[in-house]
Amino acid sequence: PKTIAVACWGTADWRAISGDNPEN
């Protein structure tokens, strides 16, 4: 058992956090 929190990120935040590139 491990206390965990799940963050659901909005589009602009997710791009900044994940470094996601739509062309990948």
PDB file of all heavy atoms in Angstrom:
ATOM      1  N   PRO A   1       0.822  -1.219   0.000  1.00  0.00           N
ATOM      2  CA  PRO A   1       0.000   0.000   0.000  1.00  0.00           C
ATOM      3  C   PRO A   1       0.851   1.262   0.000  1.00  0.00           C
ATOM      4  O   PRO A   1       1.788   1.400   0.793  1.00  0.00           O
ATOM      5  CB  PRO A   1      -0.827  -0.122   1.281  1.00  0.00           C
ATOM      6  CG  PRO A   1      -0.126  -1.137   2.108  1.00  0.00           C
ATOM      7  CD  PRO A   1       0.564  -2.064   1.176  1.00  0.00           C
ATOM      8  N   LYS A   2       0.513   2.165  -0.895  1.00  0.00           N
ATOM      9  CA  LYS A   2       1.261   3.421  -1.022  1.00  0.00           C
ATOM     10  C   LYS A   2       0.286   4.536  -1.345  1.00  0.00           C
ATOM     11  O   LYS A   2      -0.456   4.461  -2.333  1.00  0.00           O
ATOM     12  CB  LYS A   2       2.315   3.312  -2.119  1.00  0.00           C
ATOM     13  CG  LYS A   2       3.141   4.581  -2.293  1.00  0.00           C
ATOM     14  CD  LYS A   2       4.248   4.382  -3.310  1.00  0.00           C
ATOM     15  CE  LYS A   2       5.112   5.636  -3.429  1.00  0.00           C
ATOM     16  NZ  LYS A   2       6.249   5.446  -4.345  1.00  0.00           N
ATOM     17  N   THR A   3       0.285   5.576  -0.497  1.00  0.00           N
ATOM     18  CA  THR A   3      -0.569   6.736  -0.765  1.00  0.00           C
ATOM     19  C   THR A   3      -0.092   7.401  -2.046  1.00  0.00           C
ATOM     20  O   THR A   3       1.101   7.666  -2.209  1.00  0.00           O
ATOM     21  CB  THR A   3      -0.506   7.735   0.397  1.00  0.00           C
ATOM     22  OG1 THR A   3      -0.913   7.069   1.595  1.00  0.00           O
ATOM     23  CG2 THR A   3      -1.428   8.915   0.149  1.00  0.00           C
ATOM     24  N   ILE A   4      -1.023   7.661  -2.931  1.00  0.00           N
ATOM     25  CA  ILE A   4      -0.661   8.203  -4.244  1.00  0.00           C
ATOM     26  C   ILE A   4      -1.673   9.264  -4.648  1.00  0.00           C
ATOM     27  O   ILE A   4      -2.834   9.203  -4.267  1.00  0.00           O
ATOM     28  CB  ILE A   4      -0.586   7.076  -5.307  1.00  0.00           C
ATOM     29  CG1 ILE A   4       0.387   7.442  -6.429  1.00  0.00           C
ATOM     30  CG2 ILE A   4      -1.961   6.741  -5.848  1.00  0.00           C
ATOM     31  CD1 ILE A   4       1.830   7.334  -6.023  1.00  0.00           C
ATOM     32  N   ALA A   5      -1.216  10.246  -5.385  1.00  0.00           N
ATOM     33  CA  ALA A   5      -2.097  11.279  -5.942  1.00  0.00           C
ATOM     34  C   ALA A   5      -1.893  11.302  -7.447  1.00  0.00           C
ATOM     35  O   ALA A   5      -0.758  11.178  -7.931  1.00  0.00           O
ATOM     36  CB  ALA A   5      -1.778  12.642  -5.344  1.00  0.00           C
ATOM     37  N   VAL A   6      -2.977  11.450  -8.160  1.00  0.00           N
ATOM     38  CA  VAL A   6      -2.925  11.457  -9.627  1.00  0.00           C
ATOM     39  C   VAL A   6      -3.211  12.868 -10.123  1.00  0.00           C
ATOM     40  O   VAL A   6      -4.270  13.434  -9.830  1.00  0.00           O
ATOM     41  CB  VAL A   6      -3.940  10.466 -10.226  1.00  0.00           C
ATOM     42  CG1 VAL A   6      -3.927  10.560 -11.751  1.00  0.00           C
ATOM     43  CG2 VAL A   6      -3.615   9.046  -9.777  1.00  0.00           C
ATOM     44  N   ALA A   7      -2.271  13.431 -10.863  1.00  0.00           N
ATOM     45  CA  ALA A   7      -2.457  14.750 -11.471  1.00  0.00           C
ATOM     46  C   ALA A   7      -2.934  14.576 -12.899  1.00  0.00           C
ATOM     47  O   ALA A   7      -2.281  13.900 -13.703  1.00  0.00           O
ATOM     48  CB  ALA A   7      -1.151  15.536 -11.446  1.00  0.00           C
ATOM     49  N   CYS A   8      -4.091  15.155 -13.204  1.00  0.00           N
ATOM     50  CA  CYS A   8      -4.585  15.225 -14.586  1.00  0.00           C
ATOM     51  C   CYS A   8      -4.285  16.637 -15.084  1.00  0.00           C
ATOM     52  O   CYS A   8      -4.842  17.613 -14.573  1.00  0.00           O
ATOM     53  CB  CYS A   8      -6.096  14.953 -14.631  1.00  0.00           C
ATOM     54  SG  CYS A   8      -6.514  13.203 -14.690  1.00  0.00           S
ATOM     55  N   TRP A   9      -3.403  16.750 -16.072  1.00  0.00           N
ATOM     56  CA  TRP A   9      -2.938  18.053 -16.522  1.00  0.00           C
ATOM     57  C   TRP A   9      -3.702  18.534 -17.745  1.00  0.00           C
ATOM     58  O   TRP A   9      -4.043  17.741 -18.632  1.00  0.00           O
ATOM     59  CB  TRP A   9      -1.453  18.000 -16.854  1.00  0.00           C
ATOM     60  CG  TRP A   9      -0.576  17.732 -15.664  1.00  0.00           C
ATOM     61  CD1 TRP A   9      -0.059  16.527 -15.279  1.00  0.00           C
ATOM     62  CD2 TRP A   9      -0.145  18.686 -14.691  1.00  0.00           C
ATOM     63  NE1 TRP A   9       0.677  16.672 -14.127  1.00  0.00           N
ATOM     64  CE2 TRP A   9       0.653  17.988 -13.746  1.00  0.00           C
ATOM     65  CE3 TRP A   9      -0.340  20.055 -14.526  1.00  0.00           C
ATOM     66  CZ2 TRP A   9       1.235  18.614 -12.658  1.00  0.00           C
ATOM     67  CZ3 TRP A   9       0.253  20.684 -13.444  1.00  0.00           C
ATOM     68  CH2 TRP A   9       1.033  19.976 -12.523  1.00  0.00           C
ATOM     69  N   GLY A  10      -3.956  19.851 -17.783  1.00  0.00           N
ATOM     70  CA  GLY A  10      -4.537  20.469 -18.970  1.00  0.00           C
ATOM     71  C   GLY A  10      -3.520  20.489 -20.103  1.00  0.00           C
ATOM     72  O   GLY A  10      -2.317  20.249 -19.910  1.00  0.00           O
ATOM     73  N   THR A  11      -3.990  20.806 -21.310  1.00  0.00           N
ATOM     74  CA  THR A  11      -3.146  20.701 -22.506  1.00  0.00           C
ATOM     75  C   THR A  11      -1.891  21.556 -22.416  1.00  0.00           C
ATOM     76  O   THR A  11      -0.773  21.081 -22.662  1.00  0.00           O
ATOM     77  CB  THR A  11      -3.963  21.080 -23.748  1.00  0.00           C
ATOM     78  OG1 THR A  11      -5.087  20.201 -23.862  1.00  0.00           O
ATOM     79  CG2 THR A  11      -3.118  20.960 -25.007  1.00  0.00           C
ATOM     80  N   ALA A  12      -2.046  22.847 -22.066  1.00  0.00           N
ATOM     81  CA  ALA A  12      -0.882  23.739 -22.030  1.00  0.00           C
ATOM     82  C   ALA A  12       0.109  23.290 -20.960  1.00  0.00           C
ATOM     83  O   ALA A  12       1.322  23.252 -21.201  1.00  0.00           O
ATOM     84  CB  ALA A  12      -1.330  25.172 -21.771  1.00  0.00           C
ATOM     85  N   ASP A  13      -0.395  22.918 -19.801  1.00  0.00           N
ATOM     86  CA  ASP A  13       0.483  22.457 -18.730  1.00  0.00           C
ATOM     87  C   ASP A  13       1.211  21.180 -19.143  1.00  0.00           C
ATOM     88  O   ASP A  13       2.402  21.004 -18.875  1.00  0.00           O
ATOM     89  CB  ASP A  13      -0.316  22.199 -17.454  1.00  0.00           C
ATOM     90  CG  ASP A  13      -0.707  23.483 -16.741  1.00  0.00           C
ATOM     91  OD1 ASP A  13      -0.084  24.522 -17.006  1.00  0.00           O
ATOM     92  OD2 ASP A  13      -1.649  23.440 -15.932  1.00  0.00           O
ATOM     93  N   TRP A  14       0.485  20.268 -19.800  1.00  0.00           N
ATOM     94  CA  TRP A  14       1.086  18.975 -20.158  1.00  0.00           C
ATOM     95  C   TRP A  14       2.233  19.144 -21.151  1.00  0.00           C
ATOM     96  O   TRP A  14       3.265  18.487 -21.038  1.00  0.00           O
ATOM     97  CB  TRP A  14       0.027  18.041 -20.715  1.00  0.00           C
ATOM     98  CG  TRP A  14       0.553  16.666 -20.998  1.00  0.00           C
ATOM     99  CD1 TRP A  14       0.723  16.077 -22.205  1.00  0.00           C
ATOM    100  CD2 TRP A  14       0.984  15.707 -20.022  1.00  0.00           C
ATOM    101  NE1 TRP A  14       1.239  14.818 -22.061  1.00  0.00           N
ATOM    102  CE2 TRP A  14       1.406  14.564 -20.719  1.00  0.00           C
ATOM    103  CE3 TRP A  14       1.060  15.717 -18.629  1.00  0.00           C
ATOM    104  CZ2 TRP A  14       1.888  13.425 -20.075  1.00  0.00           C
ATOM    105  CZ3 TRP A  14       1.542  14.586 -17.989  1.00  0.00           C
ATOM    106  CH2 TRP A  14       1.960  13.460 -18.704  1.00  0.00           C
ATOM    107  N   ARG A  15       2.060  20.030 -22.109  1.00  0.00           N
ATOM    108  CA  ARG A  15       3.138  20.262 -23.059  1.00  0.00           C
ATOM    109  C   ARG A  15       4.384  20.779 -22.366  1.00  0.00           C
ATOM    110  O   ARG A  15       5.510  20.402 -22.698  1.00  0.00           O
ATOM    111  CB  ARG A  15       2.686  21.242 -24.137  1.00  0.00           C
ATOM    112  CG  ARG A  15       1.723  20.629 -25.154  1.00  0.00           C
ATOM    113  CD  ARG A  15       1.217  21.652 -26.119  1.00  0.00           C
ATOM    114  NE  ARG A  15       0.287  21.070 -27.076  1.00  0.00           N
ATOM    115  CZ  ARG A  15      -0.564  21.751 -27.803  1.00  0.00           C
ATOM    116  NH1 ARG A  15      -0.626  23.073 -27.682  1.00  0.00           N
ATOM    117  NH2 ARG A  15      -1.373  21.137 -28.651  1.00  0.00           N
ATOM    118  N   ALA A  16       4.190  21.655 -21.377  1.00  0.00           N
ATOM    119  CA  ALA A  16       5.333  22.211 -20.661  1.00  0.00           C
ATOM    120  C   ALA A  16       5.979  21.162 -19.752  1.00  0.00           C
ATOM    121  O   ALA A  16       7.204  21.132 -19.611  1.00  0.00           O
ATOM    122  CB  ALA A  16       4.884  23.406 -19.828  1.00  0.00           C
ATOM    123  N   ILE A  17       5.165  20.294 -19.152  1.00  0.00           N
ATOM    124  CA  ILE A  17       5.672  19.324 -18.184  1.00  0.00           C
ATOM    125  C   ILE A  17       6.315  18.122 -18.862  1.00  0.00           C
ATOM    126  O   ILE A  17       7.389  17.657 -18.473  1.00  0.00           O
ATOM    127  CB  ILE A  17       4.529  18.866 -17.257  1.00  0.00           C
ATOM    128  CG1 ILE A  17       4.132  20.002 -16.322  1.00  0.00           C
ATOM    129  CG2 ILE A  17       4.922  17.637 -16.449  1.00  0.00           C
ATOM    130  CD1 ILE A  17       2.860  19.752 -15.571  1.00  0.00           C
ATOM    131  N   SER A  18       5.677  17.598 -19.894  1.00  0.00           N
ATOM    132  CA  SER A  18       6.130  16.354 -20.500  1.00  0.00           C
ATOM    133  C   SER A  18       7.157  16.546 -21.613  1.00  0.00           C
ATOM    134  O   SER A  18       7.839  15.602 -22.005  1.00  0.00           O
ATOM    135  CB  SER A  18       4.934  15.585 -21.068  1.00  0.00           C
ATOM    136  OG  SER A  18       4.408  16.276 -22.202  1.00  0.00           O
ATOM    137  N   GLY A  19       7.237  17.777 -22.137  1.00  0.00           N
ATOM    138  CA  GLY A  19       8.107  17.978 -23.289  1.00  0.00           C
ATOM    139  C   GLY A  19       7.569  17.298 -24.520  1.00  0.00           C
ATOM    140  O   GLY A  19       8.303  17.002 -25.475  1.00  0.00           O
ATOM    141  N   ASP A  20       6.279  17.037 -24.528  1.00  0.00           N
ATOM    142  CA  ASP A  20       5.662  16.311 -25.635  1.00  0.00           C
ATOM    143  C   ASP A  20       5.709  17.136 -26.907  1.00  0.00           C
ATOM    144  O   ASP A  20       5.410  18.321 -26.913  1.00  0.00           O
ATOM    145  CB  ASP A  20       4.203  15.978 -25.269  1.00  0.00           C
ATOM    146  CG  ASP A  20       3.594  14.946 -26.198  1.00  0.00           C
ATOM    147  OD1 ASP A  20       4.357  14.347 -26.966  1.00  0.00           O
ATOM    148  OD2 ASP A  20       2.378  14.734 -26.119  1.00  0.00           O
ATOM    149  N   ASN A  21       6.081  16.488 -27.980  1.00  0.00           N
ATOM    150  CA  ASN A  21       6.118  17.122 -29.298  1.00  0.00           C
ATOM    151  C   ASN A  21       5.063  16.458 -30.172  1.00  0.00           C
ATOM    152  O   ASN A  21       5.157  15.249 -30.422  1.00  0.00           O
ATOM    153  CB  ASN A  21       7.508  16.973 -29.920  1.00  0.00           C
ATOM    154  CG  ASN A  21       7.635  17.709 -31.241  1.00  0.00           C
ATOM    155  OD1 ASN A  21       6.633  18.062 -31.865  1.00  0.00           O
ATOM    156  ND2 ASN A  21       8.856  17.923 -31.677  1.00  0.00           N
ATOM    157  N   PRO A  22       4.058  17.185 -30.656  1.00  0.00           N
ATOM    158  CA  PRO A  22       2.995  16.571 -31.448  1.00  0.00           C
ATOM    159  C   PRO A  22       3.505  15.871 -32.701  1.00  0.00           C
ATOM    160  O   PRO A  22       2.828  15.009 -33.263  1.00  0.00           O
ATOM    161  CB  PRO A  22       2.107  17.769 -31.814  1.00  0.00           C
ATOM    162  CG  PRO A  22       2.396  18.786 -30.777  1.00  0.00           C
ATOM    163  CD  PRO A  22       3.844  18.608 -30.429  1.00  0.00           C
ATOM    164  N   GLU A  23       4.720  16.193 -33.158  1.00  0.00           N
ATOM    165  CA  GLU A  23       5.254  15.556 -34.366  1.00  0.00           C
ATOM    166  C   GLU A  23       5.916  14.211 -34.065  1.00  0.00           C
ATOM    167  O   GLU A  23       6.239  13.453 -34.970  1.00  0.00           O
ATOM    168  CB  GLU A  23       6.274  16.498 -35.021  1.00  0.00           C
ATOM    169  CG  GLU A  23       5.644  17.783 -35.540  1.00  0.00           C
ATOM    170  CD  GLU A  23       6.659  18.699 -36.177  1.00  0.00           C
ATOM    171  OE1 GLU A  23       7.856  18.361 -36.197  1.00  0.00           O
ATOM    172  OE2 GLU A  23       6.242  19.755 -36.663  1.00  0.00           O
ATOM    173  N   ASN A  24       6.140  13.931 -32.764  1.00  0.00           N
ATOM    174  CA  ASN A  24       6.728  12.642 -32.415  1.00  0.00           C
ATOM    175  C   ASN A  24       5.742  11.516 -32.720  1.00  0.00           C
ATOM    176  O   ASN A  24       4.527  11.666 -32.550  1.00  0.00           O
ATOM    177  CB  ASN A  24       7.089  12.594 -30.924  1.00  0.00           C
ATOM    178  CG  ASN A  24       8.297  13.467 -30.616  1.00  0.00           C
ATOM    179  OD1 ASN A  24       9.029  13.865 -31.518  1.00  0.00           O
ATOM    180  ND2 ASN A  24       8.487  13.760 -29.338  1.00  0.00           N
TER     181      ASN A  24
END
